[in-house]
PDB file of N, CA and C in Angstrom:
ATOM      1  N   MET A   1      13.164  23.266 -44.936  1.00  0.00           N
ATOM      2  CA  MET A   1      12.051  22.432 -44.975  1.00  0.00           C
ATOM      3  C   MET A   1      12.494  20.998 -44.148  1.00  0.00           C
ATOM      4  N   ARG A   2      13.898  20.599 -44.328  1.00  0.00           N
ATOM      5  CA  ARG A   2      14.296  19.295 -43.795  1.00  0.00           C
ATOM      6  C   ARG A   2      14.422  19.542 -42.321  1.00  0.00           C
ATOM      7  N   PHE A   3      14.906  20.619 -41.810  1.00  0.00           N
ATOM      8  CA  PHE A   3      15.050  20.981 -40.516  1.00  0.00           C
ATOM      9  C   PHE A   3      13.624  20.877 -39.793  1.00  0.00           C
ATOM     10  N   ASN A   4      12.660  21.364 -40.457  1.00  0.00           N
ATOM     11  CA  ASN A   4      11.252  21.194 -39.679  1.00  0.00           C
ATOM     12  C   ASN A   4      10.902  19.814 -39.661  1.00  0.00           C
ATOM     13  N   ILE A   5      10.891  18.949 -40.572  1.00  0.00           N
ATOM     14  CA  ILE A   5      10.487  17.723 -40.615  1.00  0.00           C
ATOM     15  C   ILE A   5      11.376  16.907 -39.669  1.00  0.00           C
ATOM     16  N   LEU A   6      12.734  17.101 -39.504  1.00  0.00           N
ATOM     17  CA  LEU A   6      13.595  16.465 -38.699  1.00  0.00           C
ATOM     18  C   LEU A   6      13.113  16.826 -37.145  1.00  0.00           C
ATOM     19  N   PHE A   7      12.754  18.172 -36.832  1.00  0.00           N
ATOM     20  CA  PHE A   7      12.428  18.722 -35.669  1.00  0.00           C
ATOM     21  C   PHE A   7      11.188  18.047 -35.265  1.00  0.00           C
ATOM     22  N   PHE A   8      10.161  17.921 -36.131  1.00  0.00           N
ATOM     23  CA  PHE A   8       8.938  17.341 -35.907  1.00  0.00           C
ATOM     24  C   PHE A   8       9.040  15.792 -35.493  1.00  0.00           C
ATOM     25  N   VAL A   9       9.921  15.076 -36.198  1.00  0.00           N
ATOM     26  CA  VAL A   9      10.134  13.658 -35.783  1.00  0.00           C
ATOM     27  C   VAL A   9      10.893  13.654 -34.438  1.00  0.00           C
ATOM     28  N   LEU A  10      11.955  14.397 -34.203  1.00  0.00           N
ATOM     29  CA  LEU A  10      12.419  14.389 -32.865  1.00  0.00           C
ATOM     30  C   LEU A  10      11.318  14.656 -31.845  1.00  0.00           C
ATOM     31  N   ILE A  11      10.503  15.640 -31.635  1.00  0.00           N
ATOM     32  CA  ILE A  11       9.476  15.931 -30.826  1.00  0.00           C
ATOM     33  C   ILE A  11       8.680  14.760 -30.797  1.00  0.00           C
ATOM     34  N   VAL A  12       8.094  14.195 -31.647  1.00  0.00           N
ATOM     35  CA  VAL A  12       7.257  12.988 -31.634  1.00  0.00           C
ATOM     36  C   VAL A  12       7.834  11.790 -31.024  1.00  0.00           C
ATOM     37  N   SER A  13       9.176  11.650 -31.373  1.00  0.00           N
ATOM     38  CA  SER A  13       9.797  10.501 -30.712  1.00  0.00           C
ATOM     39  C   SER A  13      10.071  10.694 -29.203  1.00  0.00           C
ATOM     40  N   CYS A  14      10.190  11.990 -28.732  1.00  0.00           N
ATOM     41  CA  CYS A  14      10.442  12.172 -27.378  1.00  0.00           C
ATOM     42  C   CYS A  14       8.948  12.125 -26.593  1.00  0.00           C
ATOM     43  N   LEU A  15       7.950  12.429 -27.200  1.00  0.00           N
ATOM     44  CA  LEU A  15       6.621  12.145 -26.833  1.00  0.00           C
ATOM     45  C   LEU A  15       6.214  10.760 -26.523  1.00  0.00           C
ATOM     46  N   CYS A  16       6.724   9.999 -27.575  1.00  0.00           N
ATOM     47  CA  CYS A  16       6.242   8.599 -27.582  1.00  0.00           C
ATOM     48  C   CYS A  16       7.143   7.893 -26.379  1.00  0.00           C
ATOM     49  N   LEU A  17       8.336   8.138 -26.305  1.00  0.00           N
ATOM     50  CA  LEU A  17       9.285   7.714 -25.254  1.00  0.00           C
ATOM     51  C   LEU A  17       8.655   8.068 -23.729  1.00  0.00           C
ATOM     52  N   ALA A  18       8.360   9.303 -23.640  1.00  0.00           N
ATOM     53  CA  ALA A  18       7.817   9.774 -22.385  1.00  0.00           C
ATOM     54  C   ALA A  18       6.450   9.021 -21.922  1.00  0.00           C
ATOM     55  N   MET A  19       5.658   8.781 -22.978  1.00  0.00           N
ATOM     56  CA  MET A  19       4.387   8.099 -22.640  1.00  0.00           C
ATOM     57  C   MET A  19       4.545   6.656 -22.311  1.00  0.00           C
ATOM     58  N   ALA A  20       5.513   6.123 -23.078  1.00  0.00           N
ATOM     59  CA  ALA A  20       6.019   4.770 -22.662  1.00  0.00           C
ATOM     60  C   ALA A  20       6.448   4.088 -21.195  1.00  0.00           C
ATOM     61  N   GLN A  21       6.858   5.418 -20.505  1.00  0.00           N
ATOM     62  CA  GLN A  21       7.422   5.271 -19.266  1.00  0.00           C
ATOM     63  C   GLN A  21       6.249   5.446 -18.098  1.00  0.00           C
ATOM     64  N   VAL A  22       5.302   4.436 -18.363  1.00  0.00           N
ATOM     65  CA  VAL A  22       4.244   4.601 -17.274  1.00  0.00           C
ATOM     66  C   VAL A  22       4.620   4.061 -15.866  1.00  0.00           C
ATOM     67  N   ASN A  23       4.091   4.705 -14.817  1.00  0.00           N
ATOM     68  CA  ASN A  23       4.511   4.207 -13.445  1.00  0.00           C
ATOM     69  C   ASN A  23       3.354   3.183 -13.126  1.00  0.00           C
ATOM     70  N   TYR A  24       3.818   2.134 -13.116  1.00  0.00           N
ATOM     71  CA  TYR A  24       2.619   1.128 -12.495  1.00  0.00           C
ATOM     72  C   TYR A  24       2.702   0.963 -11.059  1.00  0.00           C
ATOM     73  N   GLU A  25       1.594   1.171 -10.354  1.00  0.00           N
ATOM     74  CA  GLU A  25       1.428   0.971  -8.986  1.00  0.00           C
ATOM     75  C   GLU A  25       1.440  -0.420  -8.513  1.00  0.00           C
ATOM     76  N   ASP A  26       1.599  -0.518  -7.116  1.00  0.00           N
ATOM     77  CA  ASP A  26       1.650  -1.743  -6.600  1.00  0.00           C
ATOM     78  C   ASP A  26       0.242  -2.166  -5.866  1.00  0.00           C
ATOM     79  N   CYS A  27      -0.631  -2.665  -6.776  1.00  0.00           N
ATOM     80  CA  CYS A  27      -1.974  -2.802  -6.291  1.00  0.00           C
ATOM     81  C   CYS A  27      -2.396  -4.388  -6.297  1.00  0.00           C
ATOM     82  N   CYS A  28      -3.396  -4.571  -5.393  1.00  0.00           N
ATOM     83  CA  CYS A  28      -3.887  -5.878  -5.387  1.00  0.00           C
ATOM     84  C   CYS A  28      -4.955  -5.922  -6.451  1.00  0.00           C
ATOM     85  N   LEU A  29      -5.028  -7.141  -7.086  1.00  0.00           N
ATOM     86  CA  LEU A  29      -6.041  -7.287  -8.092  1.00  0.00           C
ATOM     87  C   LEU A  29      -7.112  -8.540  -7.681  1.00  0.00           C
ATOM     88  N   THR A  30      -6.655  -9.153  -6.756  1.00  0.00           N
ATOM     89  CA  THR A  30      -7.631 -10.201  -6.170  1.00  0.00           C
ATOM     90  C   THR A  30      -7.512 -10.254  -4.657  1.00  0.00           C
ATOM     91  N   TYR A  31      -8.639 -10.812  -3.860  1.00  0.00           N
ATOM     92  CA  TYR A  31      -8.480 -11.049  -2.521  1.00  0.00           C
ATOM     93  C   TYR A  31      -8.114 -12.151  -2.052  1.00  0.00           C
ATOM     94  N   MET A  32      -7.491 -12.508  -0.949  1.00  0.00           N
ATOM     95  CA  MET A  32      -7.335 -13.673  -0.318  1.00  0.00           C
ATOM     96  C   MET A  32      -8.636 -13.937   0.377  1.00  0.00           C
ATOM     97  N   LYS A  33      -9.187 -15.404   0.372  1.00  0.00           N
ATOM     98  CA  LYS A  33     -10.307 -15.540   1.274  1.00  0.00           C
ATOM     99  C   LYS A  33     -10.117 -15.822   2.664  1.00  0.00           C
ATOM    100  N   LYS A  34      -9.035 -16.440   2.883  1.00  0.00           N
ATOM    101  CA  LYS A  34      -8.722 -16.656   4.216  1.00  0.00           C
ATOM    102  C   LYS A  34      -7.184 -16.597   4.520  1.00  0.00           C
ATOM    103  N   MET A  35      -6.721 -16.241   5.831  1.00  0.00           N
ATOM    104  CA  MET A  35      -5.579 -16.204   6.154  1.00  0.00           C
ATOM    105  C   MET A  35      -5.272 -17.225   7.105  1.00  0.00           C
ATOM    106  N   ARG A  36      -4.107 -18.046   7.199  1.00  0.00           N
ATOM    107  CA  ARG A  36      -3.930 -18.981   8.322  1.00  0.00           C
ATOM    108  C   ARG A  36      -3.627 -18.228   9.650  1.00  0.00           C
ATOM    109  N   HIS A  37      -3.796 -18.979  10.668  1.00  0.00           N
ATOM    110  CA  HIS A  37      -3.667 -18.305  12.049  1.00  0.00           C
ATOM    111  C   HIS A  37      -2.409 -17.671  12.256  1.00  0.00           C
ATOM    112  N   ARG A  38      -1.384 -18.469  11.860  1.00  0.00           N
ATOM    113  CA  ARG A  38       0.009 -18.093  11.888  1.00  0.00           C
ATOM    114  C   ARG A  38       0.371 -16.748  11.254  1.00  0.00           C
ATOM    115  N   SER A  39      -0.314 -16.685   9.932  1.00  0.00           N
ATOM    116  CA  SER A  39      -0.076 -15.354   9.305  1.00  0.00           C
ATOM    117  C   SER A  39      -0.700 -14.285   9.917  1.00  0.00           C
ATOM    118  N   LYS A  40      -1.752 -14.543  10.542  1.00  0.00           N
ATOM    119  CA  LYS A  40      -2.530 -13.604  11.256  1.00  0.00           C
ATOM    120  C   LYS A  40      -1.844 -12.936  12.475  1.00  0.00           C
ATOM    121  N   LYS A  41      -1.169 -14.061  13.242  1.00  0.00           N
ATOM    122  CA  LYS A  41      -0.227 -13.816  14.400  1.00  0.00           C
ATOM    123  C   LYS A  41       0.764 -12.903  14.006  1.00  0.00           C
ATOM    124  N   HIS A  42       1.265 -13.087  12.838  1.00  0.00           N
ATOM    125  CA  HIS A  42       2.510 -12.261  12.632  1.00  0.00           C
ATOM    126  C   HIS A  42       2.195 -11.115  11.769  1.00  0.00           C
ATOM    127  N   ALA A  43       1.059 -10.509  11.734  1.00  0.00           N
ATOM    128  CA  ALA A  43       0.900  -9.301  10.905  1.00  0.00           C
ATOM    129  C   ALA A  43       1.223  -8.110  11.829  1.00  0.00           C
ATOM    130  N   VAL A  44       1.894  -7.374  11.208  1.00  0.00           N
ATOM    131  CA  VAL A  44       2.637  -6.257  12.027  1.00  0.00           C
ATOM    132  C   VAL A  44       2.180  -4.799  11.464  1.00  0.00           C
ATOM    133  N   GLY A  45       1.673  -4.763  10.256  1.00  0.00           N
ATOM    134  CA  GLY A  45       1.009  -3.603   9.765  1.00  0.00           C
ATOM    135  C   GLY A  45       0.007  -3.808   8.559  1.00  0.00           C
ATOM    136  N   TYR A  46      -0.580  -2.736   8.266  1.00  0.00           N
ATOM    137  CA  TYR A  46      -1.520  -2.941   7.176  1.00  0.00           C
ATOM    138  C   TYR A  46      -1.576  -1.426   6.381  1.00  0.00           C
ATOM    139  N   ARG A  47      -1.993  -1.372   5.195  1.00  0.00           N
ATOM    140  CA  ARG A  47      -2.239  -0.076   4.387  1.00  0.00           C
ATOM    141  C   ARG A  47      -3.701  -0.390   3.504  1.00  0.00           C
ATOM    142  N   LEU A  48      -4.211   0.792   3.404  1.00  0.00           N
ATOM    143  CA  LEU A  48      -5.670   0.809   2.845  1.00  0.00           C
ATOM    144  C   LEU A  48      -5.364   0.890   1.139  1.00  0.00           C
ATOM    145  N   GLN A  49      -5.846   0.332   0.357  1.00  0.00           N
ATOM    146  CA  GLN A  49      -5.835   0.649  -1.070  1.00  0.00           C
ATOM    147  C   GLN A  49      -7.105   1.032  -1.393  1.00  0.00           C
ATOM    148  N   ILE A  50      -7.184   2.397  -2.064  1.00  0.00           N
ATOM    149  CA  ILE A  50      -8.488   2.912  -2.518  1.00  0.00           C
ATOM    150  C   ILE A  50      -8.522   2.659  -4.108  1.00  0.00           C
ATOM    151  N   THR A  51      -9.700   2.674  -4.704  1.00  0.00           N
ATOM    152  CA  THR A  51      -9.904   2.613  -6.151  1.00  0.00           C
ATOM    153  C   THR A  51      -9.556   3.724  -6.850  1.00  0.00           C
ATOM    154  N   ASP A  52      -8.468   3.906  -7.570  1.00  0.00           N
ATOM    155  CA  ASP A  52      -8.070   5.086  -8.204  1.00  0.00           C
ATOM    156  C   ASP A  52      -6.981   4.585  -9.295  1.00  0.00           C
ATOM    157  N   GLY A  53      -6.906   5.060 -10.493  1.00  0.00           N
ATOM    158  CA  GLY A  53      -5.786   4.925 -11.308  1.00  0.00           C
ATOM    159  C   GLY A  53      -5.975   3.264 -11.833  1.00  0.00           C
ATOM    160  N   SER A  54      -4.926   2.651 -11.638  1.00  0.00           N
ATOM    161  CA  SER A  54      -4.685   1.204 -11.883  1.00  0.00           C
ATOM    162  C   SER A  54      -5.290   0.235 -10.815  1.00  0.00           C
ATOM    163  N   CYS A  55      -5.451   0.859  -9.578  1.00  0.00           N
ATOM    164  CA  CYS A  55      -5.838   0.149  -8.531  1.00  0.00           C
ATOM    165  C   CYS A  55      -7.557   0.082  -8.739  1.00  0.00           C
ATOM    166  N   ASN A  56      -8.113  -1.144  -8.977  1.00  0.00           N
ATOM    167  CA  ASN A  56      -9.465  -1.126  -9.380  1.00  0.00           C
ATOM    168  C   ASN A  56     -10.555  -1.838  -8.233  1.00  0.00           C
ATOM    169  N   ILE A  57      -9.836  -2.325  -7.118  1.00  0.00           N
ATOM    170  CA  ILE A  57     -10.670  -2.701  -6.075  1.00  0.00           C
ATOM    171  C   ILE A  57     -10.179  -2.263  -4.679  1.00  0.00           C
ATOM    172  N   PRO A  58     -10.963  -2.004  -3.883  1.00  0.00           N
ATOM    173  CA  PRO A  58     -10.687  -1.398  -2.452  1.00  0.00           C
ATOM    174  C   PRO A  58      -9.996  -2.491  -1.795  1.00  0.00           C
ATOM    175  N   ALA A  59      -8.863  -2.460  -0.936  1.00  0.00           N
ATOM    176  CA  ALA A  59      -8.407  -3.615  -0.202  1.00  0.00           C
ATOM    177  C   ALA A  59      -7.493  -3.100   1.024  1.00  0.00           C
ATOM    178  N   VAL A  60      -7.442  -4.095   1.945  1.00  0.00           N
ATOM    179  CA  VAL A  60      -6.559  -3.893   2.997  1.00  0.00           C
ATOM    180  C   VAL A  60      -5.263  -4.754   2.803  1.00  0.00           C
ATOM    181  N   ILE A  61      -4.142  -4.098   2.789  1.00  0.00           N
ATOM    182  CA  ILE A  61      -3.011  -4.972   2.491  1.00  0.00           C
ATOM    183  C   ILE A  61      -2.136  -5.036   3.751  1.00  0.00           C
ATOM    184  N   PHE A  62      -2.171  -6.255   4.236  1.00  0.00           N
ATOM    185  CA  PHE A  62      -1.345  -6.554   5.552  1.00  0.00           C
ATOM    186  C   PHE A  62      -0.163  -7.054   5.280  1.00  0.00           C
ATOM    187  N   THR A  63       0.953  -6.605   5.961  1.00  0.00           N
ATOM    188  CA  THR A  63       2.319  -7.021   6.016  1.00  0.00           C
ATOM    189  C   THR A  63       2.777  -7.736   7.261  1.00  0.00           C
ATOM    190  N   THR A  64       3.636  -8.887   7.137  1.00  0.00           N
ATOM    191  CA  THR A  64       4.007  -9.786   8.073  1.00  0.00           C
ATOM    192  C   THR A  64       5.341  -9.299   8.537  1.00  0.00           C
ATOM    193  N   LYS A  65       5.917  -9.983   9.633  1.00  0.00           N
ATOM    194  CA  LYS A  65       7.280  -9.778  10.084  1.00  0.00           C
ATOM    195  C   LYS A  65       8.223 -10.091   9.117  1.00  0.00           C
ATOM    196  N   ARG A  66       8.051 -11.138   8.291  1.00  0.00           N
ATOM    197  CA  ARG A  66       8.861 -11.269   7.261  1.00  0.00           C
ATOM    198  C   ARG A  66       8.862 -10.554   5.982  1.00  0.00           C
ATOM    199  N   GLY A  67       7.861  -9.820   5.838  1.00  0.00           N
ATOM    200  CA  GLY A  67       7.786  -8.789   4.730  1.00  0.00           C
ATOM    201  C   GLY A  67       6.767  -9.543   3.860  1.00  0.00           C
ATOM    202  N   LEU A  68       5.910 -10.653   4.065  1.00  0.00           N
ATOM    203  CA  LEU A  68       4.959 -11.109   3.382  1.00  0.00           C
ATOM    204  C   LEU A  68       3.738 -10.224   3.193  1.00  0.00           C
ATOM    205  N   VAL A  69       3.071  -9.983   2.169  1.00  0.00           N
ATOM    206  CA  VAL A  69       2.194  -9.164   1.799  1.00  0.00           C
ATOM    207  C   VAL A  69       0.713  -9.917   1.602  1.00  0.00           C
ATOM    208  N   PHE A  70      -0.338  -9.550   2.163  1.00  0.00           N
ATOM    209  CA  PHE A  70      -1.602 -10.078   1.869  1.00  0.00           C
ATOM    210  C   PHE A  70      -2.717  -9.168   1.537  1.00  0.00           C
ATOM    211  N   CYS A  71      -3.287  -9.339   0.356  1.00  0.00           N
ATOM    212  CA  CYS A  71      -4.533  -8.703  -0.067  1.00  0.00           C
ATOM    213  C   CYS A  71      -5.790  -8.993   0.454  1.00  0.00           C
ATOM    214  N   THR A  72      -6.530  -8.285   1.161  1.00  0.00           N
ATOM    215  CA  THR A  72      -7.703  -9.091   1.717  1.00  0.00           C
ATOM    216  C   THR A  72      -8.932  -7.919   1.473  1.00  0.00           C
ATOM    217  N   ASP A  73     -10.145  -8.417   1.543  1.00  0.00           N
ATOM    218  CA  ASP A  73     -11.561  -7.717   1.148  1.00  0.00           C
ATOM    219  C   ASP A  73     -11.735  -6.650   2.507  1.00  0.00           C
ATOM    220  N   PRO A  74     -11.842  -5.465   2.508  1.00  0.00           N
ATOM    221  CA  PRO A  74     -11.996  -4.749   3.733  1.00  0.00           C
ATOM    222  C   PRO A  74     -13.519  -4.904   4.214  1.00  0.00           C
ATOM    223  N   ARG A  75     -14.399  -5.541   3.491  1.00  0.00           N
ATOM    224  CA  ARG A  75     -15.701  -5.675   3.890  1.00  0.00           C
ATOM    225  C   ARG A  75     -15.720  -6.892   4.948  1.00  0.00           C
ATOM    226  N   GLU A  76     -15.008  -7.889   4.725  1.00  0.00           N
ATOM    227  CA  GLU A  76     -14.918  -9.194   5.647  1.00  0.00           C
ATOM    228  C   GLU A  76     -14.567  -8.633   7.144  1.00  0.00           C
ATOM    229  N   SER A  77     -15.380  -9.359   7.887  1.00  0.00           N
ATOM    230  CA  SER A  77     -15.436  -9.265   9.469  1.00  0.00           C
ATOM    231  C   SER A  77     -14.116  -9.601   9.948  1.00  0.00           C
ATOM    232  N   TRP A  78     -13.408 -10.685   9.632  1.00  0.00           N
ATOM    233  CA  TRP A  78     -11.980 -11.125   9.918  1.00  0.00           C
ATOM    234  C   TRP A  78     -10.896 -10.203   9.757  1.00  0.00           C
ATOM    235  N   VAL A  79     -11.091  -9.422   8.540  1.00  0.00           N
ATOM    236  CA  VAL A  79     -10.337  -8.321   8.098  1.00  0.00           C
ATOM    237  C   VAL A  79     -10.358  -7.240   9.144  1.00  0.00           C
ATOM    238  N   LYS A  80     -11.479  -6.809   9.448  1.00  0.00           N
ATOM    239  CA  LYS A  80     -11.884  -5.701  10.338  1.00  0.00           C
ATOM    240  C   LYS A  80     -11.156  -5.996  11.715  1.00  0.00           C
ATOM    241  N   ASP A  81     -11.437  -7.394  12.166  1.00  0.00           N
ATOM    242  CA  ASP A  81     -10.873  -7.570  13.508  1.00  0.00           C
ATOM    243  C   ASP A  81      -9.495  -7.642  13.401  1.00  0.00           C
ATOM    244  N   LEU A  82      -8.835  -8.098  12.489  1.00  0.00           N
ATOM    245  CA  LEU A  82      -7.253  -8.118  12.396  1.00  0.00           C
ATOM    246  C   LEU A  82      -6.688  -6.786  12.314  1.00  0.00           C
ATOM    247  N   MET A  83      -7.395  -5.790  11.548  1.00  0.00           N
ATOM    248  CA  MET A  83      -6.914  -4.377  11.657  1.00  0.00           C
ATOM    249  C   MET A  83      -6.865  -3.801  13.071  1.00  0.00           C
ATOM    250  N   MET A  84      -8.060  -4.103  13.813  1.00  0.00           N
ATOM    251  CA  MET A  84      -8.252  -3.708  15.150  1.00  0.00           C
ATOM    252  C   MET A  84      -7.031  -4.447  16.049  1.00  0.00           C
ATOM    253  N   HIS A  85      -6.758  -5.564  15.842  1.00  0.00           N
ATOM    254  CA  HIS A  85      -5.720  -6.393  16.528  1.00  0.00           C
ATOM    255  C   HIS A  85      -4.242  -5.722  16.271  1.00  0.00           C
ATOM    256  N   VAL A  86      -3.997  -5.442  14.905  1.00  0.00           N
ATOM    257  CA  VAL A  86      -2.781  -4.772  14.752  1.00  0.00           C
ATOM    258  C   VAL A  86      -2.755  -3.256  15.183  1.00  0.00           C
ATOM    259  N   ASP A  87      -3.792  -2.616  15.414  1.00  0.00           N
ATOM    260  CA  ASP A  87      -3.918  -1.213  15.809  1.00  0.00           C
ATOM    261  C   ASP A  87      -3.530  -1.374  17.303  1.00  0.00           C
ATOM    262  N   LYS A  88      -4.068  -2.404  17.971  1.00  0.00           N
ATOM    263  CA  LYS A  88      -3.888  -2.541  19.426  1.00  0.00           C
ATOM    264  C   LYS A  88      -2.596  -2.797  19.642  1.00  0.00           C
ATOM    265  N   LYS A  89      -1.856  -3.531  18.884  1.00  0.00           N
ATOM    266  CA  LYS A  89      -0.503  -4.010  18.959  1.00  0.00           C
ATOM    267  C   LYS A  89       0.366  -2.715  19.022  1.00  0.00           C
ATOM    268  N   HIS A  90       0.070  -1.814  17.960  1.00  0.00           N
ATOM    269  CA  HIS A  90       0.877  -0.459  17.824  1.00  0.00           C
ATOM    270  C   HIS A  90       0.674   0.438  18.947  1.00  0.00           C
ATOM    271  N   ASN A  91      -0.574   0.501  19.425  1.00  0.00           N
ATOM    272  CA  ASN A  91      -0.928   1.440  20.474  1.00  0.00           C
ATOM    273  C   ASN A  91      -0.282   0.905  21.690  1.00  0.00           C
ATOM    274  N   LYS A  92      -0.203  -0.435  22.031  1.00  0.00           N
ATOM    275  CA  LYS A  92       0.203  -0.840  23.357  1.00  0.00           C
ATOM    276  C   LYS A  92       1.731  -0.373  23.567  1.00  0.00           C
ATOM    277  N   GLY A  93       2.604  -0.338  22.710  1.00  0.00           N
ATOM    278  CA  GLY A  93       3.881   0.203  22.975  1.00  0.00           C
ATOM    279  C   GLY A  93       3.962   1.604  23.168  1.00  0.00           C
ATOM    280  N   ASN A  94       2.991   2.571  22.584  1.00  0.00           N
ATOM    281  CA  ASN A  94       3.080   3.840  22.412  1.00  0.00           C
ATOM    282  C   ASN A  94       2.471   4.474  23.720  1.00  0.00           C
ATOM    283  N   LYS A  95       1.782   3.709  24.548  1.00  0.00           N
ATOM    284  CA  LYS A  95       1.036   4.416  25.602  1.00  0.00           C
ATOM    285  C   LYS A  95       2.068   4.903  26.763  1.00  0.00           C
ATOM    286  N   ILE A  96       1.488   6.301  27.351  1.00  0.00           N
ATOM    287  CA  ILE A  96       2.348   6.752  28.435  1.00  0.00           C
ATOM    288  C   ILE A  96       1.571   6.565  29.769  1.00  0.00           C
ATOM    289  N   PRO A  97       2.397   6.124  30.670  1.00  0.00           N
ATOM    290  CA  PRO A  97       1.654   5.804  32.067  1.00  0.00           C
ATOM    291  C   PRO A  97       1.028   7.159  32.490  1.00  0.00           C
ATOM    292  N   HIS A  98      -0.253   7.128  33.265  1.00  0.00           N
ATOM    293  CA  HIS A  98      -1.014   8.155  33.674  1.00  0.00           C
ATOM    294  C   HIS A  98      -0.110   9.021  34.500  1.00  0.00           C
ATOM    295  N   GLY A  99      -0.039  10.243  34.307  1.00  0.00           N
ATOM    296  CA  GLY A  99       0.647  11.281  35.217  1.00  0.00           C
ATOM    297  C   GLY A  99       2.180  11.547  34.613  1.00  0.00           C
ATOM    298  N   LYS A 100       2.686  10.795  33.668  1.00  0.00           N
ATOM    299  CA  LYS A 100       3.938  10.843  33.282  1.00  0.00           C
ATOM    300  C   LYS A 100       4.011  11.713  31.977  1.00  0.00           C
ATOM    301  N   VAL A 101       5.125  12.357  31.674  1.00  0.00           N
ATOM    302  CA  VAL A 101       5.291  13.100  30.517  1.00  0.00           C
ATOM    303  C   VAL A 101       6.501  12.356  29.822  1.00  0.00           C
ATOM    304  N   ARG A 102       6.512  12.219  28.503  1.00  0.00           N
ATOM    305  CA  ARG A 102       7.601  11.825  27.769  1.00  0.00           C
ATOM    306  C   ARG A 102       8.282  13.039  27.345  1.00  0.00           C
ATOM    307  N   HIS A 103       9.591  13.025  27.421  1.00  0.00           N
ATOM    308  CA  HIS A 103      10.404  14.129  26.911  1.00  0.00           C
ATOM    309  C   HIS A 103      11.297  13.430  25.917  1.00  0.00           C
ATOM    310  N   THR A 104      11.412  14.292  24.684  1.00  0.00           N
ATOM    311  CA  THR A 104      12.291  13.987  23.622  1.00  0.00           C
ATOM    312  C   THR A 104      13.019  14.931  23.301  1.00  0.00           C
ATOM    313  N   ARG A 105      14.337  14.645  22.566  1.00  0.00           N
ATOM    314  CA  ARG A 105      15.390  15.546  22.407  1.00  0.00           C
ATOM    315  C   ARG A 105      14.968  16.118  20.846  1.00  0.00           C
ATOM    316  N   ARG A 106      15.479  17.295  20.873  1.00  0.00           N
ATOM    317  CA  ARG A 106      15.283  17.681  19.553  1.00  0.00           C
ATOM    318  C   ARG A 106      16.571  18.087  18.767  1.00  0.00           C
TER     319      ARG A 106
END
């Protein structure tokens, strides 16, 4: 009888500890209304946040050269423009001149 009680307490304790170790996501909770021109100029990438789990708002998260992160509203026109600007910067370095083939080693 004592073994059963001890076993039950051990199982309940393990379950409580496992549930206490929740993985918190890195989510935006609010939007920036505006970004300074300097920050926009130094934006090097972005990622999209969708609404699921603990992330309760959709967002575009911009990253600067220095590693700063800005949460913005994806419905804003300036955010869409900045996304296109960042995409153009990335595609600019990846273009292959017409008629040339880029060879890579494996």
